Amino acid sequence: MLITRAITETLYQFRNWFPIVYLGGPRQSGKTTLLRHLLPDLPYASLEDADARRRAEEDPRRFLNSFPKGGILDEVQRVPPLFNYLQGVVDADKERRFVLSGSQNFLLMESITQSLAGRVGILNLLPLSVQEIEAQQPFPHLDAFAWQGGYPATYAENKTPPEIFFDSYTQTYLERDVRQLKNVGDIAQFGKFMRLCAGRTGQPLNLSSLASDTGVAPNTIKAWISILEASYLIFKLPPLF
């Protein structure tokens, strides 16, 4: 069962307006599934795949030329030099259209804004909204929804139990995303910080308290909060006043 996403029409519009569309969002929010379903005519390559990544790193121009009419490049942040070549490719051939996707916003956005300014439309796909869930199936009780969340895997036909899904999700996030960042030295400590943040959901943000409980400096907590925001894992809600 494929849940209809509210972003569908906007994605089609952006494809007409921009030679390159970037679809961001957290891991497992459904980006790859959505793109391959909506754009079946476009060839697909994931740069998580070691062979595809090696080809892109060794000869970016040849790699892009293997998509004569454009294509979908998934986890594109794994090969940053591609962005410079993409600029030249779409400028030289207005008919070639690429769709990029990725889950590491902190590694992607600098490259996108520097290399593809004016050529890329940026969209974000978050986990399922209340409206998207209700359009397909009865909405769970609020207590159940707070535990289950909105990730598509927990609503699929063969749905993953939330406790299994989120444990695996956290490990993947820490090992594959956070470990690449130079300003996060201790992965275990960052994991503790994430759990402390989860326990403070809906409360005023107190950097000093978080720093004391985590065992790091307040400036470190401030930087780590930015990482969670860039990963789409938290949103800071300013007060109304």
Protein backbone atom coordinates (compact mmCIF):
# COMPACT_ATOMS: atom_id res chain seq x y z
CA MET A 1 0.00 0.00 0.00
CA LEU A 2 1.45 3.34 -1.09
CA ILE A 3 0.19 6.27 0.94
CA THR A 4 -0.55 9.33 -1.18
CA ARG A 5 1.70 12.20 -0.17
CA ALA A 6 0.51 15.81 -0.09
CA ILE A 7 3.72 16.99 -1.74
CA THR A 8 2.98 15.12 -5.00
CA GLU A 9 1.48 18.00 -7.00
CA THR A 10 4.15 20.42 -5.82
CA LEU A 11 6.88 18.01 -6.93
CA TYR A 12 5.39 17.85 -10.44
CA GLN A 13 5.22 21.64 -10.58
CA PHE A 14 8.84 22.02 -9.48
CA ARG A 15 9.86 19.57 -12.22
CA ASN A 16 8.44 22.02 -14.77
CA TRP A 17 9.97 25.09 -13.15
CA PHE A 18 13.51 23.92 -12.34
CA PRO A 19 16.09 21.80 -14.20
CA ILE A 20 17.07 20.27 -10.85
CA VAL A 21 14.77 19.41 -7.95
CA TYR A 22 16.17 18.50 -4.55
CA LEU A 23 13.96 16.45 -2.24
CA GLY A 24 15.28 16.43 1.31
CA GLY A 25 13.96 14.99 4.51
CA PRO A 26 14.87 12.62 7.31
CA ARG A 27 15.88 9.03 6.67
CA GLN A 28 12.95 6.67 6.07
CA SER A 29 10.45 9.46 5.37
CA GLY A 30 9.63 7.88 2.00
CA LYS A 31 11.72 9.97 -0.43
CA THR A 32 13.04 7.12 -2.58
CA THR A 33 9.70 5.30 -2.71
CA LEU A 34 7.88 8.48 -3.68
CA LEU A 35 10.32 9.50 -6.41
CA ARG A 36 10.50 6.07 -8.02
CA HIS A 37 6.72 5.81 -7.97
CA LEU A 38 6.00 9.29 -9.36
CA LEU A 39 8.87 9.37 -11.91
CA PRO A 40 9.14 5.81 -13.26
CA ASP A 41 10.51 7.10 -16.60
CA LEU A 42 13.68 8.49 -14.96
CA PRO A 43 16.65 6.14 -14.42
CA TYR A 44 17.65 5.81 -10.78
CA ALA A 45 21.03 5.57 -9.03
CA SER A 46 21.76 5.46 -5.31
CA LEU A 47 25.13 6.81 -4.27
CA GLU A 48 24.89 4.68 -1.15
CA ASP A 49 25.75 1.85 -3.54
CA ALA A 50 29.52 1.41 -3.53
CA ASP A 51 29.82 0.76 -7.29
CA ALA A 52 27.72 3.77 -8.27
CA ARG A 53 29.60 5.96 -5.81
CA ARG A 54 32.97 4.83 -7.17
CA ARG A 55 31.93 5.62 -10.75
CA ALA A 56 30.70 9.06 -9.71
CA GLU A 57 33.87 9.83 -7.76
CA GLU A 58 36.30 8.62 -10.42
CA ASP A 59 34.68 10.33 -13.41
CA PRO A 60 31.73 12.63 -12.49
CA ARG A 61 31.23 13.84 -16.07
CA ARG A 62 31.03 10.32 -17.49
CA PHE A 63 28.73 9.27 -14.67
CA LEU A 64 26.27 12.10 -15.42
CA ASN A 65 26.48 11.42 -19.16
CA SER A 66 25.06 7.96 -18.46
CA PHE A 67 21.79 9.82 -17.82
CA PRO A 68 21.23 11.44 -21.24
CA LYS A 69 17.70 12.56 -20.38
CA GLY A 70 18.30 13.12 -16.68
CA GLY A 71 17.66 10.88 -13.71
CA ILE A 72 17.14 10.43 -9.98
CA LEU A 73 20.31 10.59 -7.88
CA ASP A 74 19.70 9.35 -4.35
CA GLU A 75 21.88 10.18 -1.31
CA VAL A 76 23.76 12.60 -3.55
CA GLN A 77 25.62 14.15 -0.62
CA ARG A 78 27.96 11.14 -0.72
CA VAL A 79 29.74 12.64 -3.78
CA PRO A 80 29.93 16.45 -3.32
CA PRO A 81 31.94 17.10 -6.56
CA LEU A 82 28.85 16.08 -8.56
CA PHE A 83 27.20 19.40 -7.79
CA ASN A 84 29.72 21.40 -9.82
CA TYR A 85 29.34 19.08 -12.81
CA LEU A 86 25.54 19.13 -12.57
CA GLN A 87 25.57 22.89 -13.04
CA GLY A 88 27.39 22.58 -16.35
CA VAL A 89 25.27 19.66 -17.54
CA VAL A 90 21.88 21.37 -17.11
CA ASP A 91 23.21 24.67 -18.47
CA ALA A 92 24.42 22.93 -21.64
CA ASP A 93 21.22 20.92 -22.21
CA LYS A 94 17.94 22.46 -21.09
CA GLU A 95 16.10 19.19 -21.70
CA ARG A 96 18.04 17.24 -19.09
CA ARG A 97 16.29 17.19 -15.73
CA PHE A 98 17.64 15.74 -12.52
CA VAL A 99 15.99 14.98 -9.20
CA LEU A 100 18.32 14.79 -6.22
CA SER A 101 17.48 13.39 -2.82
CA GLY A 102 19.32 13.08 0.46
CA SER A 103 18.90 12.85 4.20
CA GLN A 104 21.95 14.76 5.46
CA ASN A 105 20.84 18.34 5.18
CA PHE A 106 23.93 19.64 7.01
CA LEU A 107 26.17 18.18 4.26
CA LEU A 108 23.94 19.05 1.32
CA MET A 109 22.66 22.58 1.61
CA GLU A 110 26.02 24.35 1.43
CA SER A 111 26.89 22.51 -1.79
CA ILE A 112 23.46 23.14 -3.28
CA THR A 113 23.35 26.85 -2.53
CA GLN A 114 26.92 27.41 -3.76
CA SER A 115 26.88 25.30 -6.93
CA LEU A 116 23.26 25.21 -8.06
CA ALA A 117 21.87 28.60 -7.08
CA GLY A 118 19.00 29.58 -9.38
CA ARG A 119 18.83 26.11 -10.94
CA VAL A 120 17.36 24.03 -8.13
CA GLY A 121 13.96 23.87 -6.47
CA ILE A 122 14.15 22.66 -2.88
CA LEU A 123 11.44 20.52 -1.25
CA ASN A 124 11.34 18.56 2.00
CA LEU A 125 9.42 15.36 2.66
CA LEU A 126 8.68 14.85 6.34
CA PRO A 127 7.05 11.78 7.91
CA LEU A 128 3.32 11.28 7.40
CA SER A 129 1.01 14.07 8.47
CA VAL A 130 -2.29 13.51 10.25
CA GLN A 131 -4.13 14.33 7.01
CA GLU A 132 -2.06 11.85 4.97
CA ILE A 133 -2.71 9.05 7.46
CA GLU A 134 -6.43 9.80 7.72
CA ALA A 135 -6.79 9.68 3.93
CA GLN A 136 -5.69 6.01 3.94
CA GLN A 137 -6.74 4.50 7.25
CA PRO A 138 -8.36 5.35 10.58
CA PHE A 139 -6.16 7.69 12.57
CA PRO A 140 -4.79 6.06 15.76
CA HIS A 141 -5.55 7.38 19.21
CA LEU A 142 -3.34 10.37 20.06
CA ASP A 143 -1.42 8.40 22.70
CA ALA A 144 -0.75 5.65 20.16
CA PHE A 145 0.27 8.21 17.51
CA ALA A 146 2.72 9.86 19.92
CA TRP A 147 4.42 6.48 20.34
CA GLN A 148 4.12 5.31 16.73
CA GLY A 149 5.05 8.56 15.03
CA GLY A 150 4.56 9.20 11.33
CA TYR A 151 7.27 7.22 9.56
CA PRO A 152 5.78 5.20 6.67
CA ALA A 153 7.41 1.92 7.76
CA THR A 154 5.20 1.83 10.86
CA TYR A 155 2.07 2.15 8.67
CA ALA A 156 3.04 -0.20 5.82
CA GLU A 157 1.22 -3.46 5.13
CA ASN A 158 3.99 -5.39 6.87
CA LYS A 159 4.50 -2.63 9.39
CA THR A 160 7.51 -2.58 11.69
CA PRO A 161 6.77 -2.32 15.43
CA PRO A 162 7.73 1.20 16.58
CA GLU A 163 10.18 0.02 19.25
CA ILE A 164 12.06 -2.05 16.63
CA PHE A 165 11.93 0.66 13.98
CA PHE A 166 13.18 3.50 16.15
CA ASP A 167 15.98 1.49 17.76
CA SER A 168 17.28 0.59 14.28
CA TYR A 169 16.70 4.14 13.04
CA THR A 170 18.75 5.65 15.87
CA GLN A 171 21.65 3.28 15.32
CA THR A 172 21.67 3.98 11.58
CA TYR A 173 21.54 7.73 12.16
CA LEU A 174 24.41 7.68 14.63
CA GLU A 175 26.65 5.33 12.67
CA ARG A 176 26.05 6.57 9.12
CA ASP A 177 25.24 10.26 9.51
CA VAL A 178 26.58 11.66 12.76
CA ARG A 179 29.86 9.72 12.65
CA GLN A 180 30.87 11.69 9.53
CA LEU A 181 30.77 15.00 11.39
CA LYS A 182 34.05 16.30 12.76
CA ASN A 183 32.44 18.25 15.60
CA VAL A 184 30.92 15.10 17.13
CA GLY A 185 33.76 13.19 18.72
CA ASP A 186 31.91 10.82 21.04
CA ILE A 187 29.02 9.01 19.33
CA ALA A 188 27.85 7.39 22.58
CA GLN A 189 27.67 10.79 24.25
CA PHE A 190 25.73 12.20 21.30
CA GLY A 191 23.30 9.27 21.62
CA LYS A 192 22.79 10.15 25.29
CA PHE A 193 22.18 13.76 24.26
CA MET A 194 19.48 12.60 21.80
CA ARG A 195 17.69 10.62 24.51
CA LEU A 196 17.81 13.61 26.87
CA CYS A 197 16.32 15.81 24.13
CA ALA A 198 13.52 13.29 23.58
CA GLY A 199 12.68 13.47 27.28
CA ARG A 200 12.37 17.25 27.02
CA THR A 201 9.93 17.28 24.09
CA GLY A 202 7.43 20.12 24.47
CA GLN A 203 9.44 21.84 27.21
CA PRO A 204 11.41 25.11 27.18
CA LEU A 205 14.91 24.58 25.81
CA ASN A 206 17.52 24.91 28.56
CA LEU A 207 21.01 24.56 27.10
CA SER A 208 22.74 24.67 30.49
CA SER A 209 20.58 21.86 31.88
CA LEU A 210 21.17 19.71 28.80
CA ALA A 211 24.91 20.40 28.96
CA SER A 212 25.07 19.43 32.63
CA ASP A 213 23.12 16.19 32.11
CA THR A 214 25.09 15.25 28.98
CA GLY A 215 28.50 16.18 30.41
CA VAL A 216 29.59 18.64 27.72
CA ALA A 217 29.85 22.42 27.36
CA PRO A 218 26.75 24.55 26.56
CA ASN A 219 28.34 25.62 23.26
CA THR A 220 28.63 21.96 22.29
CA ILE A 221 24.95 21.44 23.05
CA LYS A 222 24.09 24.45 20.90
CA ALA A 223 26.05 22.94 17.97
CA TRP A 224 24.47 19.51 18.49
CA ILE A 225 20.97 21.02 18.57
CA SER A 226 21.75 22.50 15.14
CA ILE A 227 22.71 19.03 13.88
CA LEU A 228 19.38 17.57 15.03
CA GLU A 229 17.54 20.45 13.37
CA ALA A 230 19.45 19.98 10.10
CA SER A 231 18.64 16.25 10.27
CA TYR A 232 14.91 17.05 10.55
CA LEU A 233 14.81 15.19 13.90
CA ILE A 234 13.72 18.18 15.97
CA PHE A 235 12.01 21.52 15.40
CA LYS A 236 12.36 24.45 17.75
CA LEU A 237 9.04 26.17 18.34
CA PRO A 238 9.42 29.88 19.22
CA PRO A 239 6.98 31.27 21.80
CA LEU A 240 3.99 33.16 20.44
CA PHE A 241 4.94 36.38 22.24
